[in-house]
Amino acid sequence: MKKAQQKKRTSDSAVKVALIGALATVLVAVVTSIVSLLQNSPNISPTQTNVILTSTPLPTSTPLPIPPISTFDGAGAEGWTMFAGEIISVSNSYLSASFLNDNLTGYFVAPLIFHGDWRDYSELRFDLKSEGGEYYTSGFTIHGDIYLANNRMIAQRSFDHRPSEDWELFIISLKDDGKWTLRGGATNLNDVLANITDFQIRAEYGDGADTSGLDTVMLVK
């Protein structure tokens, strides 16, 4: 009986030794493979024991602001719309409008490219013409010849004459020069210029049948 037990223990020991040997062989093979991979990698040195791979995004540059401009040289009104009027054509590279008999003053309404911070700009420029009807300066819901809004804060400015029947260039200062009327809680012009949400240019100047044209609207630094 003792001889049988001793023979079984010897057999069990031999199996354990065989298993340990097999595991050692596998471990050596795995380590060899890892070393080989490290040596053949162009980005990882085989002497590095702690390698952390990270993905770092490439730095991006903030583009410089591009001054908005509408020249009407292409097709369409470039996003301009009308308040109390209608665009009748975009021909000869300018915007032409007529007006409704509704006791309201018509305005050209600028597109979204003119919305945003205007404080870096010194001037607003555009070409304007108007003809027909009897010139008026009050009533008919006039809100200035230039209307700027930052939500509820408003700045408006009036001309001292009607635009010419031929083209006339208007250069409007974007500084507190005493010619801006502020409303809606604005204490200075920059309160409004900080975030323009609405920009309109008066288009209707005559009581009766009249038309107007707008061309080359731009901001200048």
C-alpha atoms as a PDB file:
ATOM      1  CA  MET A   1       0.000   0.000   0.000  1.00  0.00           C
ATOM      2  CA  LYS A   2       2.799   2.453   0.927  1.00  0.00           C
ATOM      3  CA  LYS A   3       4.634   1.613  -2.319  1.00  0.00           C
ATOM      4  CA  ALA A   4       1.498   2.429  -4.312  1.00  0.00           C
ATOM      5  CA  GLN A   5       1.096   5.794  -2.560  1.00  0.00           C
ATOM      6  CA  GLN A   6       4.772   6.647  -3.079  1.00  0.00           C
ATOM      7  CA  LYS A   7       4.464   5.778  -6.787  1.00  0.00           C
ATOM      8  CA  LYS A   8       1.363   8.054  -7.121  1.00  0.00           C
ATOM      9  CA  ARG A   9       3.189  10.996  -5.440  1.00  0.00           C
ATOM     10  CA  THR A  10       6.141  10.515  -7.826  1.00  0.00           C
ATOM     11  CA  SER A  11       3.772  10.554 -10.804  1.00  0.00           C
ATOM     12  CA  ASP A  12       2.039  13.721  -9.576  1.00  0.00           C
ATOM     13  CA  SER A  13       5.388  15.481  -9.129  1.00  0.00           C
ATOM     14  CA  ALA A  14       6.422  14.587 -12.657  1.00  0.00           C
ATOM     15  CA  VAL A  15       3.189  16.067 -14.048  1.00  0.00           C
ATOM     16  CA  LYS A  16       3.722  19.312 -12.116  1.00  0.00           C
ATOM     17  CA  VAL A  17       7.297  19.597 -13.381  1.00  0.00           C
ATOM     18  CA  ALA A  18       6.092  19.045 -16.946  1.00  0.00           C
ATOM     19  CA  LEU A  19       3.410  21.722 -16.617  1.00  0.00           C
ATOM     20  CA  ILE A  20       5.839  24.252 -15.142  1.00  0.00           C
ATOM     21  CA  GLY A  21       8.253  23.551 -17.983  1.00  0.00           C
ATOM     22  CA  ALA A  22       5.539  24.060 -20.595  1.00  0.00           C
ATOM     23  CA  LEU A  23       4.419  27.345 -18.999  1.00  0.00           C
ATOM     24  CA  ALA A  24       7.992  28.580 -18.891  1.00  0.00           C
ATOM     25  CA  THR A  25       8.409  27.794 -22.590  1.00  0.00           C
ATOM     26  CA  VAL A  26       5.231  29.729 -23.455  1.00  0.00           C
ATOM     27  CA  LEU A  27       6.299  32.709 -21.297  1.00  0.00           C
ATOM     28  CA  VAL A  28       9.699  32.856 -22.995  1.00  0.00           C
ATOM     29  CA  ALA A  29       7.992  32.827 -26.397  1.00  0.00           C
ATOM     30  CA  VAL A  30       5.654  35.680 -25.405  1.00  0.00           C
ATOM     31  CA  VAL A  31       8.484  37.833 -24.028  1.00  0.00           C
ATOM     32  CA  THR A  32      10.549  37.182 -27.166  1.00  0.00           C
ATOM     33  CA  SER A  33       7.643  38.275 -29.367  1.00  0.00           C
ATOM     34  CA  ILE A  34       7.130  41.492 -27.362  1.00  0.00           C
ATOM     35  CA  VAL A  35      10.824  42.394 -27.541  1.00  0.00           C
ATOM     36  CA  SER A  36      10.810  41.733 -31.265  1.00  0.00           C
ATOM     37  CA  LEU A  37       7.796  44.033 -31.752  1.00  0.00           C
ATOM     38  CA  LEU A  38       9.413  46.810 -29.723  1.00  0.00           C
ATOM     39  CA  GLN A  39      12.640  46.576 -31.699  1.00  0.00           C
ATOM     40  CA  ASN A  40      10.811  46.759 -35.018  1.00  0.00           C
ATOM     41  CA  SER A  41       8.518  49.688 -34.071  1.00  0.00           C
ATOM     42  CA  PRO A  42       9.670  53.064 -35.458  1.00  0.00           C
ATOM     43  CA  ASN A  43       7.960  55.027 -32.679  1.00  0.00           C
ATOM     44  CA  ILE A  44       8.749  53.047 -29.527  1.00  0.00           C
ATOM     45  CA  SER A  45      12.156  52.350 -28.097  1.00  0.00           C
ATOM     46  CA  PRO A  46      12.728  48.801 -26.763  1.00  0.00           C
ATOM     47  CA  THR A  47      14.268  50.286 -23.625  1.00  0.00           C
ATOM     48  CA  GLN A  48      11.004  52.043 -22.682  1.00  0.00           C
ATOM     49  CA  THR A  49       9.163  50.192 -19.969  1.00  0.00           C
ATOM     50  CA  ASN A  50       6.189  52.545 -19.579  1.00  0.00           C
ATOM     51  CA  VAL A  51       4.912  53.777 -22.939  1.00  0.00           C
ATOM     52  CA  ILE A  52       1.784  55.919 -23.049  1.00  0.00           C
ATOM     53  CA  LEU A  53       0.333  56.680 -26.455  1.00  0.00           C
ATOM     54  CA  THR A  54      -1.743  59.845 -26.612  1.00  0.00           C
ATOM     55  CA  SER A  55      -3.596  61.554 -29.432  1.00  0.00           C
ATOM     56  CA  THR A  56      -2.929  65.314 -29.318  1.00  0.00           C
ATOM     57  CA  PRO A  57      -5.017  67.428 -31.722  1.00  0.00           C
ATOM     58  CA  LEU A  58      -3.154  69.710 -34.076  1.00  0.00           C
ATOM     59  CA  PRO A  59      -3.271  73.360 -33.026  1.00  0.00           C
ATOM     60  CA  THR A  60      -5.775  75.425 -34.960  1.00  0.00           C
ATOM     61  CA  SER A  61      -5.515  79.123 -35.694  1.00  0.00           C
ATOM     62  CA  THR A  62      -8.416  81.522 -35.313  1.00  0.00           C
ATOM     63  CA  PRO A  63      -9.111  83.141 -38.670  1.00  0.00           C
ATOM     64  CA  LEU A  64      -8.976  86.917 -38.820  1.00  0.00           C
ATOM     65  CA  PRO A  65     -12.400  88.523 -39.097  1.00  0.00           C
ATOM     66  CA  ILE A  66     -13.282  89.391 -42.673  1.00  0.00           C
ATOM     67  CA  PRO A  67     -15.101  92.723 -43.044  1.00  0.00           C
ATOM     68  CA  PRO A  68     -18.569  91.973 -44.435  1.00  0.00           C
ATOM     69  CA  ILE A  69     -19.438  93.473 -47.800  1.00  0.00           C
ATOM     70  CA  SER A  70     -22.349  93.317 -50.239  1.00  0.00           C
ATOM     71  CA  THR A  71     -21.661  94.381 -53.819  1.00  0.00           C
ATOM     72  CA  PHE A  72     -24.617  92.724 -55.607  1.00  0.00           C
ATOM     73  CA  ASP A  73     -22.309  91.785 -58.464  1.00  0.00           C
ATOM     74  CA  GLY A  74     -23.553  88.200 -58.507  1.00  0.00           C
ATOM     75  CA  ALA A  75     -27.004  86.749 -58.784  1.00  0.00           C
ATOM     76  CA  GLY A  76     -29.602  87.519 -56.155  1.00  0.00           C
ATOM     77  CA  ALA A  77     -29.957  89.975 -53.293  1.00  0.00           C
ATOM     78  CA  GLU A  78     -27.152  88.411 -51.186  1.00  0.00           C
ATOM     79  CA  GLY A  79     -29.548  87.843 -48.305  1.00  0.00           C
ATOM     80  CA  TRP A  80     -30.881  91.415 -48.108  1.00  0.00           C
ATOM     81  CA  THR A  81     -34.615  91.747 -47.485  1.00  0.00           C
ATOM     82  CA  MET A  82     -37.089  94.600 -47.088  1.00  0.00           C
ATOM     83  CA  PHE A  83     -39.145  96.048 -44.284  1.00  0.00           C
ATOM     84  CA  ALA A  84     -42.331  97.647 -45.680  1.00  0.00           C
ATOM     85  CA  GLY A  85     -41.268  97.323 -49.274  1.00  0.00           C
ATOM     86  CA  GLU A  86     -40.180  94.860 -51.894  1.00  0.00           C
ATOM     87  CA  ILE A  87     -37.039  94.228 -53.879  1.00  0.00           C
ATOM     88  CA  ILE A  88     -37.945  94.691 -57.510  1.00  0.00           C
ATOM     89  CA  SER A  89     -34.639  93.770 -59.114  1.00  0.00           C
ATOM     90  CA  VAL A  90     -30.959  93.078 -58.663  1.00  0.00           C
ATOM     91  CA  SER A  91     -29.724  94.462 -61.946  1.00  0.00           C
ATOM     92  CA  ASN A  92     -26.774  96.560 -63.053  1.00  0.00           C
ATOM     93  CA  SER A  93     -25.015  95.308 -59.899  1.00  0.00           C
ATOM     94  CA  TYR A  94     -27.221  97.064 -57.365  1.00  0.00           C
ATOM     95  CA  LEU A  95     -30.338  96.425 -55.323  1.00  0.00           C
ATOM     96  CA  SER A  96     -33.505  98.218 -56.442  1.00  0.00           C
ATOM     97  CA  ALA A  97     -36.683  98.514 -54.367  1.00  0.00           C
ATOM     98  CA  SER A  98     -40.199  99.909 -54.486  1.00  0.00           C
ATOM     99  CA  PHE A  99     -42.606 100.556 -51.631  1.00  0.00           C
ATOM    100  CA  LEU A 100     -46.103  99.810 -50.472  1.00  0.00           C
ATOM    101  CA  ASN A 101     -48.769 102.411 -49.784  1.00  0.00           C
ATOM    102  CA  ASP A 102     -49.073 101.352 -46.138  1.00  0.00           C
ATOM    103  CA  ASN A 103     -48.056 104.434 -44.094  1.00  0.00           C
ATOM    104  CA  LEU A 104     -44.799 102.691 -43.198  1.00  0.00           C
ATOM    105  CA  THR A 105     -41.284 103.685 -44.200  1.00  0.00           C
ATOM    106  CA  GLY A 106     -39.393 101.059 -46.151  1.00  0.00           C
ATOM    107  CA  TYR A 107     -35.936  99.871 -45.098  1.00  0.00           C
ATOM    108  CA  PHE A 108     -33.258  97.634 -46.580  1.00  0.00           C
ATOM    109  CA  VAL A 109     -32.603  94.905 -43.979  1.00  0.00           C
ATOM    110  CA  ALA A 110     -29.075  93.483 -43.872  1.00  0.00           C
ATOM    111  CA  PRO A 111     -28.312  89.733 -43.883  1.00  0.00           C
ATOM    112  CA  LEU A 112     -26.665  87.756 -41.080  1.00  0.00           C
ATOM    113  CA  ILE A 113     -23.123  88.373 -42.365  1.00  0.00           C
ATOM    114  CA  PHE A 114     -23.456  91.890 -40.931  1.00  0.00           C
ATOM    115  CA  HIS A 115     -24.472  90.645 -37.485  1.00  0.00           C
ATOM    116  CA  GLY A 116     -21.902  90.539 -34.695  1.00  0.00           C
ATOM    117  CA  ASP A 117     -19.270  92.761 -33.113  1.00  0.00           C
ATOM    118  CA  TRP A 118     -18.640  96.028 -34.988  1.00  0.00           C
ATOM    119  CA  ARG A 119     -16.344  97.674 -32.438  1.00  0.00           C
ATOM    120  CA  ASP A 120     -13.202  97.060 -34.492  1.00  0.00           C
ATOM    121  CA  TYR A 121     -14.638  99.030 -37.416  1.00  0.00           C
ATOM    122  CA  SER A 122     -14.464 102.808 -37.815  1.00  0.00           C
ATOM    123  CA  GLU A 123     -16.821 103.416 -40.735  1.00  0.00           C
ATOM    124  CA  LEU A 124     -19.895 102.118 -42.498  1.00  0.00           C
ATOM    125  CA  ARG A 125     -19.986 102.882 -46.242  1.00  0.00           C
ATOM    126  CA  PHE A 126     -22.627 102.396 -48.904  1.00  0.00           C
ATOM    127  CA  ASP A 127     -23.996 103.929 -52.112  1.00  0.00           C
ATOM    128  CA  LEU A 128     -27.627 105.013 -52.106  1.00  0.00           C
ATOM    129  CA  LYS A 129     -30.041 106.785 -54.433  1.00  0.00           C
ATOM    130  CA  SER A 130     -33.685 107.766 -54.169  1.00  0.00           C
ATOM    131  CA  GLU A 131     -36.251 109.383 -56.468  1.00  0.00           C
ATOM    132  CA  GLY A 132     -39.992 110.015 -56.658  1.00  0.00           C
ATOM    133  CA  GLY A 133     -42.601 111.167 -54.189  1.00  0.00           C
ATOM    134  CA  GLU A 134     -42.442 114.064 -51.737  1.00  0.00           C
ATOM    135  CA  TYR A 135     -39.489 113.990 -49.343  1.00  0.00           C
ATOM    136  CA  TYR A 136     -40.433 113.620 -45.656  1.00  0.00           C
ATOM    137  CA  THR A 137     -38.412 113.502 -42.436  1.00  0.00           C
ATOM    138  CA  SER A 138     -40.963 112.453 -39.810  1.00  0.00           C
ATOM    139  CA  GLY A 139     -43.929 110.178 -39.350  1.00  0.00           C
ATOM    140  CA  PHE A 140     -44.555 106.908 -41.165  1.00  0.00           C
ATOM    141  CA  THR A 141     -42.675 104.944 -38.435  1.00  0.00           C
ATOM    142  CA  ILE A 142     -39.280 106.406 -39.372  1.00  0.00           C
ATOM    143  CA  HIS A 143     -36.507 104.987 -37.169  1.00  0.00           C
ATOM    144  CA  GLY A 144     -33.548 106.911 -38.528  1.00  0.00           C
ATOM    145  CA  ASP A 145     -31.738 106.651 -41.840  1.00  0.00           C
ATOM    146  CA  ILE A 146     -29.356 104.134 -40.236  1.00  0.00           C
ATOM    147  CA  TYR A 147     -30.782 101.740 -37.678  1.00  0.00           C
ATOM    148  CA  LEU A 148     -28.567  99.504 -35.533  1.00  0.00           C
ATOM    149  CA  ALA A 149     -29.761  97.251 -32.738  1.00  0.00           C
ATOM    150  CA  ASN A 150     -28.197  94.987 -30.155  1.00  0.00           C
ATOM    151  CA  ASN A 151     -31.392  93.235 -29.120  1.00  0.00           C
ATOM    152  CA  ARG A 152     -33.237  96.005 -27.171  1.00  0.00           C
ATOM    153  CA  MET A 153     -30.399  98.534 -27.279  1.00  0.00           C
ATOM    154  CA  ILE A 154     -30.712 100.784 -30.322  1.00  0.00           C
ATOM    155  CA  ALA A 155     -28.623 103.397 -32.136  1.00  0.00           C
ATOM    156  CA  GLN A 156     -30.061 105.380 -35.018  1.00  0.00           C
ATOM    157  CA  ARG A 157     -28.719 108.177 -37.175  1.00  0.00           C
ATOM    158  CA  SER A 158     -30.392 110.580 -39.591  1.00  0.00           C
ATOM    159  CA  PHE A 159     -29.043 112.329 -42.679  1.00  0.00           C
ATOM    160  CA  ASP A 160     -29.401 116.058 -43.209  1.00  0.00           C
ATOM    161  CA  HIS A 161     -30.745 115.596 -46.753  1.00  0.00           C
ATOM    162  CA  ARG A 162     -32.430 113.149 -49.067  1.00  0.00           C
ATOM    163  CA  PRO A 163     -30.085 110.867 -51.050  1.00  0.00           C
ATOM    164  CA  SER A 164     -29.427 112.031 -54.603  1.00  0.00           C
ATOM    165  CA  GLU A 165     -31.410 110.767 -57.565  1.00  0.00           C
ATOM    166  CA  ASP A 166     -28.028 109.704 -58.887  1.00  0.00           C
ATOM    167  CA  TRP A 167     -25.662 107.626 -56.775  1.00  0.00           C
ATOM    168  CA  GLU A 168     -24.369 109.171 -53.550  1.00  0.00           C
ATOM    169  CA  LEU A 169     -21.660 107.697 -51.334  1.00  0.00           C
ATOM    170  CA  PHE A 170     -22.421 107.779 -47.603  1.00  0.00           C
ATOM    171  CA  ILE A 171     -19.579 107.393 -45.089  1.00  0.00           C
ATOM    172  CA  ILE A 172     -20.954 106.904 -41.583  1.00  0.00           C
ATOM    173  CA  SER A 173     -18.690 107.208 -38.547  1.00  0.00           C
ATOM    174  CA  LEU A 174     -18.990 104.366 -36.041  1.00  0.00           C
ATOM    175  CA  LYS A 175     -17.819 106.617 -33.211  1.00  0.00           C
ATOM    176  CA  ASP A 176     -19.675 108.604 -30.587  1.00  0.00           C
ATOM    177  CA  ASP A 177     -19.652 111.851 -32.571  1.00  0.00           C
ATOM    178  CA  GLY A 178     -22.879 113.286 -31.216  1.00  0.00           C
ATOM    179  CA  LYS A 179     -24.931 112.286 -34.268  1.00  0.00           C
ATOM    180  CA  TRP A 180     -26.241 108.983 -32.931  1.00  0.00           C
ATOM    181  CA  THR A 181     -29.483 108.717 -30.973  1.00  0.00           C
ATOM    182  CA  LEU A 182     -29.368 105.946 -28.376  1.00  0.00           C
ATOM    183  CA  ARG A 183     -32.372 104.110 -26.944  1.00  0.00           C
ATOM    184  CA  GLY A 184     -33.269 100.901 -25.144  1.00  0.00           C
ATOM    185  CA  GLY A 185     -30.773 101.286 -22.308  1.00  0.00           C
ATOM    186  CA  ALA A 186     -27.664 101.933 -24.421  1.00  0.00           C
ATOM    187  CA  THR A 187     -25.376 104.493 -22.735  1.00  0.00           C
ATOM    188  CA  ASN A 188     -22.846 104.730 -25.563  1.00  0.00           C
ATOM    189  CA  LEU A 189     -22.519 103.579 -29.150  1.00  0.00           C
ATOM    190  CA  ASN A 190     -20.243 100.668 -28.241  1.00  0.00           C
ATOM    191  CA  ASP A 191     -23.065  99.149 -26.180  1.00  0.00           C
ATOM    192  CA  VAL A 192     -24.884  98.614 -29.471  1.00  0.00           C
ATOM    193  CA  LEU A 193     -21.852  97.876 -31.677  1.00  0.00           C
ATOM    194  CA  ALA A 194     -20.743  95.052 -29.351  1.00  0.00           C
ATOM    195  CA  ASN A 195     -23.301  92.700 -30.914  1.00  0.00           C
ATOM    196  CA  ILE A 196     -25.290  93.925 -33.906  1.00  0.00           C
ATOM    197  CA  THR A 197     -28.475  91.862 -34.222  1.00  0.00           C
ATOM    198  CA  ASP A 198     -30.317  94.144 -36.667  1.00  0.00           C
ATOM    199  CA  PHE A 199     -28.950  96.571 -39.274  1.00  0.00           C
ATOM    200  CA  GLN A 200     -31.229  98.579 -41.557  1.00  0.00           C
ATOM    201  CA  ILE A 201     -30.719 101.362 -44.097  1.00  0.00           C
ATOM    202  CA  ARG A 202     -33.657 103.608 -44.886  1.00  0.00           C
ATOM    203  CA  ALA A 203     -34.840 103.025 -48.444  1.00  0.00           C
ATOM    204  CA  GLU A 204     -38.063 105.019 -48.738  1.00  0.00           C
ATOM    205  CA  TYR A 205     -37.771 108.829 -48.769  1.00  0.00           C
ATOM    206  CA  GLY A 206     -40.759 109.976 -50.807  1.00  0.00           C
ATOM    207  CA  ASP A 207     -44.419 110.067 -49.903  1.00  0.00           C
ATOM    208  CA  GLY A 208     -46.001 108.655 -53.025  1.00  0.00           C
ATOM    209  CA  ALA A 209     -44.537 106.587 -55.832  1.00  0.00           C
ATOM    210  CA  ASP A 210     -40.783 106.379 -55.271  1.00  0.00           C
ATOM    211  CA  THR A 211     -37.936 103.949 -55.811  1.00  0.00           C
ATOM    212  CA  SER A 212     -34.441 103.581 -54.389  1.00  0.00           C
ATOM    213  CA  GLY A 213     -31.191 101.760 -55.053  1.00  0.00           C
ATOM    214  CA  LEU A 214     -28.498 100.353 -52.761  1.00  0.00           C
ATOM    215  CA  ASP A 215     -24.986  99.294 -53.677  1.00  0.00           C
ATOM    216  CA  THR A 216     -21.633  98.307 -52.133  1.00  0.00           C
ATOM    217  CA  VAL A 217     -22.362  98.128 -48.422  1.00  0.00           C
ATOM    218  CA  MET A 218     -19.221  97.577 -46.367  1.00  0.00           C
ATOM    219  CA  LEU A 219     -17.556  98.026 -43.003  1.00  0.00           C
ATOM    220  CA  VAL A 220     -14.125  99.689 -42.897  1.00  0.00           C
ATOM    221  CA  LYS A 221     -11.530  99.394 -40.144  1.00  0.00           C
END
